[in-house]
Protein backbone atom coordinates (compact mmCIF):
# COMPACT_ATOMS: atom_id res chain seq x y z
CA PRO A 1 19.56 6.05 22.35
CA GLY A 2 21.90 4.61 20.23
CA ARG A 3 23.87 3.00 23.80
CA LEU A 4 25.28 -0.23 22.60
CA CYS A 5 25.08 -2.34 26.34
CA PRO A 6 28.77 -4.06 27.26
CA PRO A 7 29.54 -7.54 25.77
CA THR A 8 29.36 -8.58 30.06
CA SER A 9 25.55 -6.86 30.24
CA ALA A 10 23.06 -9.83 31.80
CA VAL A 11 20.44 -8.13 29.65
CA GLY A 12 20.31 -7.90 25.32
CA GLY A 13 21.23 -3.93 25.12
CA ALA A 14 21.79 -2.40 21.61
CA LEU A 15 18.79 -0.54 22.53
CA LYS A 16 17.93 2.00 19.44
CA GLU A 17 14.44 3.69 19.94
CA PHE A 18 12.50 3.77 22.78
CA ARG A 19 8.61 5.11 22.35
CA GLU A 20 5.79 5.13 25.04
CA VAL A 21 2.53 6.65 25.49
CA ALA A 22 1.87 6.46 29.39
CA ALA A 23 -0.28 3.78 30.39
CA GLN A 24 -1.08 2.84 27.11
CA SER A 25 1.77 0.96 25.26
CA ARG A 26 5.80 1.60 24.81
CA GLU A 27 7.96 -0.18 21.85
CA LEU A 28 11.44 -0.81 21.78
CA ILE A 29 13.90 -0.79 18.61
CA PHE A 30 17.14 -2.66 19.02
CA TYR A 31 20.57 -2.51 16.34
CA ASN A 32 20.38 -6.13 14.94
CA SER A 33 23.35 -7.23 16.89
CA ARG A 34 21.56 -8.56 19.99
CA LEU A 35 23.17 -12.87 20.61
CA ASP A 36 18.96 -13.45 20.67
CA GLY A 37 18.26 -11.61 17.57
CA LEU A 38 15.44 -9.22 19.13
CA VAL A 39 14.91 -6.11 16.70
CA ARG A 40 11.73 -4.81 17.65
CA CYS A 41 9.39 -5.04 20.93
CA VAL A 42 6.04 -3.95 21.53
CA GLU A 43 3.89 -4.04 24.40
CA GLU A 44 0.42 -2.49 24.86
CA ILE A 45 0.32 -2.71 28.58
CA GLY A 46 -2.34 -5.18 29.86
CA HIS A 47 -3.61 -6.30 26.36
CA LYS A 48 -0.96 -7.97 24.59
CA THR A 49 3.43 -8.49 24.28
CA CYS A 50 4.96 -9.24 21.24
CA GLU A 51 8.78 -9.52 19.81
CA VAL A 52 10.48 -9.60 16.58
CA PHE A 53 13.15 -11.66 15.87
CA GLU A 54 15.90 -11.93 13.23
CA ASP A 55 18.71 -14.50 11.96
CA ARG A 56 17.91 -17.06 14.94
CA ASP A 57 19.38 -20.62 14.41
CA ASP A 58 16.05 -21.75 15.58
CA ARG A 59 14.31 -19.89 12.98
CA LEU A 60 12.55 -17.98 14.98
CA ILE A 61 10.95 -14.61 13.77
CA TYR A 62 7.99 -13.53 16.08
CA HIS A 63 6.32 -14.21 19.32
CA SER A 64 3.46 -12.89 21.34
CA VAL A 65 1.20 -13.28 24.41
CA THR A 66 -2.27 -12.38 24.94
CA LEU A 67 -3.42 -11.17 28.33
CA ASP A 68 -6.76 -11.38 29.46
CA PRO A 69 -8.42 -9.58 32.47
CA SER A 70 -11.26 -10.94 32.26
CA LEU A 71 -10.31 -14.39 33.27
CA ASN A 72 -8.56 -13.16 36.42
CA GLY A 73 -9.94 -15.72 39.43
CA SER A 74 -10.94 -18.13 37.02
CA GLN A 75 -10.34 -21.96 38.43
CA ARG A 76 -8.24 -22.59 35.01
CA SER A 77 -5.69 -19.74 35.71
CA SER A 78 -5.28 -20.35 38.98
CA LYS A 79 -4.55 -24.27 38.44
CA PHE A 80 -1.83 -23.96 36.32
CA LYS A 81 -0.42 -20.63 36.63
CA ASP A 82 -0.94 -19.26 33.56
CA THR A 83 -0.31 -15.21 34.40
CA TYR A 84 2.12 -13.27 32.62
CA ALA A 85 4.31 -10.06 35.08
CA VAL A 86 2.59 -6.90 33.75
CA GLU A 87 4.60 -3.74 35.22
CA SER A 88 1.86 -1.56 37.81
CA MET A 89 -0.99 -4.40 37.37
CA GLY A 90 0.41 -7.60 38.36
CA GLU A 91 -0.15 -10.97 37.08
CA LEU A 92 -2.60 -11.19 34.49
CA PRO A 93 -4.07 -14.64 32.84
CA ILE A 94 -3.30 -15.22 29.62
CA ARG A 95 -5.12 -15.99 26.80
CA LYS A 96 -3.15 -17.14 23.78
CA MET A 97 0.68 -17.43 23.25
CA THR A 98 1.75 -17.30 19.62
CA ARG A 99 4.94 -17.89 17.88
CA LYS A 100 6.40 -17.76 14.55
CA PHE A 101 9.11 -19.51 12.09
CA GLY A 102 10.54 -19.16 8.91
CA ARG A 103 11.13 -21.52 6.51
CA ASN A 104 13.09 -24.58 6.59
CA PRO A 105 14.24 -25.73 3.70
CA ALA A 106 15.58 -29.13 4.36
CA VAL A 107 11.81 -29.88 5.66
CA PRO A 108 8.69 -30.81 3.65
CA PRO A 109 6.18 -27.30 3.98
CA ASP A 110 3.54 -29.98 4.94
CA ASN A 111 5.99 -30.64 8.40
CA ASP A 112 7.41 -27.45 8.03
CA ILE A 113 5.79 -25.77 11.12
CA HIS A 114 5.21 -21.99 10.51
CA LYS A 115 2.98 -20.76 13.36
CA ILE A 116 1.90 -22.41 16.59
CA CYS A 117 -1.16 -20.88 18.45
CA PHE A 118 -1.51 -21.78 22.40
CA TYR A 119 -4.92 -21.19 23.61
CA VAL A 120 -3.89 -21.56 27.45
CA ALA A 121 -7.73 -20.29 28.49
CA GLU A 122 -9.53 -23.07 25.84
CA GLY A 123 -6.93 -25.61 26.36
CA THR A 124 -6.45 -26.25 22.69
CA ILE A 125 -3.58 -25.67 20.22
CA ARG A 126 -3.33 -25.10 16.48
CA VAL A 127 -0.32 -25.78 14.61
CA ASP A 128 -0.46 -24.14 11.04
CA MET A 129 2.38 -25.41 8.38
CA HIS A 130 4.18 -23.65 5.76
CA ARG A 131 2.40 -23.08 1.96
CA GLU A 132 3.76 -24.82 -0.70
CA PRO A 133 5.15 -22.16 -3.14
CA GLY A 134 2.24 -21.18 -5.73
CA LYS A 135 -0.40 -22.42 -3.59
CA LEU A 136 -2.77 -20.44 -1.21
CA THR A 137 -4.17 -22.80 1.41
CA PHE A 138 -1.81 -24.67 3.75
CA LYS A 139 -1.87 -27.40 6.50
CA SER A 140 -3.39 -26.82 9.75
CA VAL A 141 -4.10 -29.06 12.87
CA THR A 142 -5.86 -28.85 15.73
CA TYR A 143 -5.03 -30.24 19.48
CA VAL A 144 -7.14 -30.02 22.78
CA ASN A 145 -5.17 -30.95 26.19
CA GLU A 146 -6.76 -33.73 27.84
CA ASP A 147 -5.59 -34.26 30.96
CA GLY A 148 -1.96 -33.11 30.00
CA THR A 149 -2.14 -35.01 26.78
CA PRO A 150 -2.68 -33.23 23.32
CA ARG A 151 -5.24 -34.82 21.25
CA GLN A 152 -5.63 -34.51 17.73
CA LEU A 153 -9.77 -32.96 16.26
CA PRO A 154 -11.33 -34.53 15.16
CA LYS A 155 -11.08 -36.93 17.81
CA ASP A 156 -12.12 -40.08 15.92
CA GLY A 157 -9.18 -39.22 13.37
CA PRO A 158 -5.29 -40.41 13.37
CA GLN A 159 -3.99 -38.91 16.48
CA PRO A 160 -0.18 -37.85 17.46
CA THR A 161 2.50 -40.53 18.65
CA GLN A 162 3.54 -40.32 22.31
CA ALA A 163 6.96 -38.24 21.35
CA GLU A 164 4.63 -35.90 19.00
CA ALA A 165 2.16 -34.57 22.35
CA GLN A 166 5.95 -34.55 24.07
CA ARG A 167 7.02 -32.36 21.53
CA LEU A 168 3.95 -29.82 21.66
CA LEU A 169 3.91 -29.78 25.07
CA GLN A 170 7.29 -29.02 25.14
CA MET A 171 7.21 -26.36 22.95
CA GLN A 172 4.11 -24.85 25.09
CA ALA A 173 7.44 -24.96 28.15
CA ILE A 174 9.50 -23.05 26.09
CA CYS A 175 7.38 -20.78 24.86
CA ARG A 176 6.30 -19.94 28.16
CA GLU A 177 9.83 -19.17 29.66
CA GLY A 178 10.98 -17.62 26.53
CA LEU A 179 8.24 -14.88 27.34
CA GLN A 180 8.96 -14.77 30.75
CA ASP A 181 12.75 -14.28 29.88
CA SER A 182 12.29 -11.75 27.51
CA TYR A 183 9.53 -9.93 30.11
CA GLN A 184 13.03 -9.85 32.45
CA LYS A 185 14.80 -8.86 29.88
CA THR A 186 13.32 -5.76 28.71
CA HIS A 187 12.38 -4.80 32.33
CA VAL A 188 16.07 -4.39 33.29
CA GLU A 189 16.74 -2.38 29.77
CA LEU A 190 13.57 -0.13 30.95
CA ASN A 191 14.72 0.08 34.30
CA GLN A 192 18.83 0.99 33.13
CA ARG A 193 16.96 3.61 31.25
CA ARG A 194 14.96 4.83 33.76
CA THR A 195 17.96 5.30 36.37
CA GLU A 196 20.56 7.06 33.05
CA GLU A 197 17.79 9.86 32.40
CA ASN A 198 17.45 10.43 36.30
CA SER A 199 21.09 10.85 36.52
CA ILE A 200 21.00 13.97 33.66
CA ARG A 201 18.13 15.21 35.32
CA ALA A 202 20.23 14.84 38.52
CA SER A 203 23.22 16.34 37.04
CA ARG A 204 21.31 18.96 35.55
CA PHE A 205 19.76 20.19 38.15
CA ALA A 206 22.80 19.91 40.44
CA GLN A 207 25.15 22.37 38.23
CA ALA A 208 22.30 24.54 37.28
CA GLY A 209 23.51 27.18 39.77
CA ARG A 210 27.30 26.69 39.08
CA LYS A 211 29.43 27.40 36.69
CA ARG A 212 31.47 24.25 34.88
CA ASP A 213 35.21 24.68 35.47
CA LEU A 214 36.49 24.30 31.80
CA SER A 215 40.70 23.87 33.18
CA ALA A 216 39.06 20.93 35.32
CA LEU A 217 39.13 17.34 33.76
CA GLY A 218 34.84 16.61 33.73
CA SER A 219 33.70 12.85 34.30
CA ARG A 220 31.16 11.37 31.80
CA GLU A 221 28.31 11.69 33.96
CA GLU A 222 28.29 15.65 34.05
CA VAL A 223 26.42 17.81 31.32
CA LEU A 224 28.10 19.53 28.70
CA GLU A 225 27.55 23.46 28.79
CA PRO A 226 27.00 25.90 25.57
CA SER A 227 30.64 27.37 24.85
CA VAL A 228 30.82 30.95 24.22
CA TYR A 229 31.15 30.48 20.87
CA ASP A 230 27.64 28.75 20.67
CA MET A 231 26.52 31.41 22.60
CA ALA A 232 27.63 34.09 20.26
CA ARG A 233 25.88 32.35 17.19
CA GLU A 234 22.97 32.03 19.31
CA ASN A 235 22.70 35.43 20.70
CA ALA A 236 23.73 36.52 16.39
CA ARG A 237 21.00 34.57 15.25
CA VAL A 238 18.51 36.42 17.64
CA ASP A 239 19.52 39.69 16.32
CA ALA A 240 19.39 38.92 12.95
CA LEU A 241 15.53 38.01 13.37
CA HIS A 242 15.03 41.08 15.26
CA VAL A 243 16.41 42.86 12.64
CA GLY A 244 14.74 40.80 10.38
CA THR A 245 11.19 41.66 12.11
CA GLU A 246 12.20 45.70 12.15
CA GLU A 247 12.67 45.62 8.18
CA GLU A 248 9.63 43.85 7.42
CA LYS A 249 7.27 46.28 10.18
CA GLN A 250 9.51 49.27 8.00
CA GLU A 251 8.29 47.75 4.63
CA GLU A 252 4.56 47.09 5.82
CA THR A 253 4.51 51.11 6.84
CA THR A 254 6.17 52.28 3.79
CA ALA A 255 3.94 49.96 1.75
CA LYS A 256 0.64 52.02 3.33
CA VAL A 257 0.01 54.45 0.76
CA ASP A 258 -3.02 56.90 0.29
CA ILE A 259 -4.49 56.85 -3.62
CA LEU A 260 -6.75 59.32 -2.64
CA ALA A 261 -4.15 61.65 -1.22
CA PRO A 262 -3.00 63.44 -4.76
CA TYR A 263 -7.10 63.89 -4.99
CA LEU A 264 -7.01 65.68 -1.57
CA VAL A 265 -4.04 67.81 -1.84
CA ASP A 266 -6.22 71.22 -2.90
CA PHE A 267 -8.92 70.87 0.14
CA ILE A 268 -6.04 70.70 2.72
CA ASP A 269 -6.54 72.44 5.58
CA LYS A 270 -3.41 74.14 6.25
CA ASP A 271 -3.96 75.14 9.81
CA THR A 272 -5.01 72.04 11.10
CA ASP A 273 -3.59 69.69 8.17
CA THR A 274 -6.81 67.78 7.51
CA VAL A 275 -9.38 67.19 4.89
CA THR A 276 -12.98 68.19 5.44
CA LEU A 277 -15.21 68.07 2.35
CA ASP A 278 -18.69 68.96 1.90
CA ALA A 279 -21.55 67.01 -0.19
CA LEU A 280 -20.22 69.37 -3.39
CA GLN A 281 -16.40 68.79 -3.08
CA ALA A 282 -16.99 65.02 -2.68
CA GLU A 283 -18.96 64.55 -5.47
CA LEU A 284 -16.06 66.07 -7.28
CA VAL A 285 -13.64 64.17 -5.84
CA ALA A 286 -15.43 61.09 -6.74
CA LYS A 287 -16.26 62.08 -10.59
CA LYS A 288 -12.29 62.37 -10.57
CA CYS A 289 -11.46 59.24 -9.26
CA THR A 290 -14.07 57.88 -11.39
CA GLN A 291 -12.08 59.32 -14.56
CA ASP A 292 -9.05 58.11 -14.19
CA PHE A 293 -10.08 54.60 -12.98
CA ARG A 294 -11.67 54.75 -16.33
CA LYS A 295 -8.99 56.29 -18.51
CA ARG A 296 -6.11 53.46 -16.53
CA LEU A 297 -8.59 50.67 -17.76
CA THR A 298 -8.58 51.87 -21.24
CA ASP A 299 -5.25 52.78 -21.42
CA ARG A 300 -4.65 49.13 -20.19
CA ALA A 301 -6.72 47.77 -22.77
CA GLU A 302 -5.37 49.27 -25.19
CA ILE A 303 -1.82 47.55 -24.32
CA ILE A 304 -3.45 44.25 -23.91
CA GLN A 305 -5.01 44.80 -27.41
CA ARG A 306 -1.56 45.96 -29.12
CA ARG A 307 -0.11 43.04 -27.24
CA LEU A 308 -2.58 40.76 -28.76
CA GLU A 309 -2.30 42.19 -32.26
CA ASP A 310 2.00 42.03 -32.11
CA GLU A 311 1.25 38.10 -31.38
CA GLN A 312 -1.40 37.00 -34.01
CA ASP A 313 1.26 39.35 -36.51
CA GLN A 314 4.13 36.93 -35.37
CA LEU A 315 1.80 33.84 -35.29
CA ARG A 316 1.02 34.53 -39.17
CA LYS A 317 4.60 35.61 -40.20
CA ARG A 318 5.44 32.16 -38.78
CA ARG A 319 2.78 29.99 -40.86
CA ALA A 320 3.72 31.72 -43.98
CA HIS A 321 7.45 30.77 -43.32
CA MET A 322 6.25 27.18 -42.62
CA GLN A 323 4.20 27.15 -45.87
CA ARG A 324 6.99 28.27 -47.79
CA ARG A 325 9.23 25.66 -46.12
CA GLY A 326 6.08 23.00 -46.99
CA ASP A 327 5.52 21.75 -43.52
CA SER A 328 2.01 21.65 -42.72
CA VAL A 329 0.48 23.97 -39.98
CA ASP A 330 -1.13 20.86 -37.97
CA LYS A 331 2.54 19.64 -37.49
């Protein structure tokens, strides 16, 4: 679409491409000009929604929500209201929420969060830190939510402080709010696009039965009609295609030559302009054809043999010339 929303728009706008498979998936690609840094949004309808960001101050590069309709009606889902709205499907239970962050050079890798997963259905949180340069392993910590307080596994190990536990709960709430806000913006964006498409269809339908007044100034909602010059070019292109097709048919008709015609000239009935052969005449024609074919093959073989001998003579002359120069034949 390449449509940029005005700065006063409530949504992020800057939609570049929109791809949709009915009732299965949709993908929105944005220009890198939004204030929230969103560049790509992919939704597997009823299963998962993920968004990719660039150039954000909080270094957020990705967040997603995974849904599980099989959890619908469970006690945990109804108690904490951990649901996500899906168009045409209503509220679906959340199984997992994920956020990914870019590297912060000011923080050591072991303390810099790379990925945090909130397993809402299981009541656990997994935090993965960034890798140190040159290492394959990374620090990973798992927490279990007990009565609203995250406890680190194993439980007999060191436990997070109150500030750290509060930070984890706050990050989960921020993730949930961010996903809900993204859903609202995407929903408004889709509605706006559908409204524009319906307006274009209505304009085309309204202008189908009448000609556009070229002397009057048109509005931005009107659909342009092809000019006289465009129609002339299109008609010329169609005519050229027809002419080319007719020429090809003529060439095909001309190319259809009867190779037996020279042998049947003496047997044509002048009254009916047809050829009727008995057994002896047919055998005679077959012998003539065979003799001419053999002669043609012999002539072709002589031509090939003559060219081969000429090439061999030229090769011998080149070798003799190279030997006189003292060059090696193998070089």
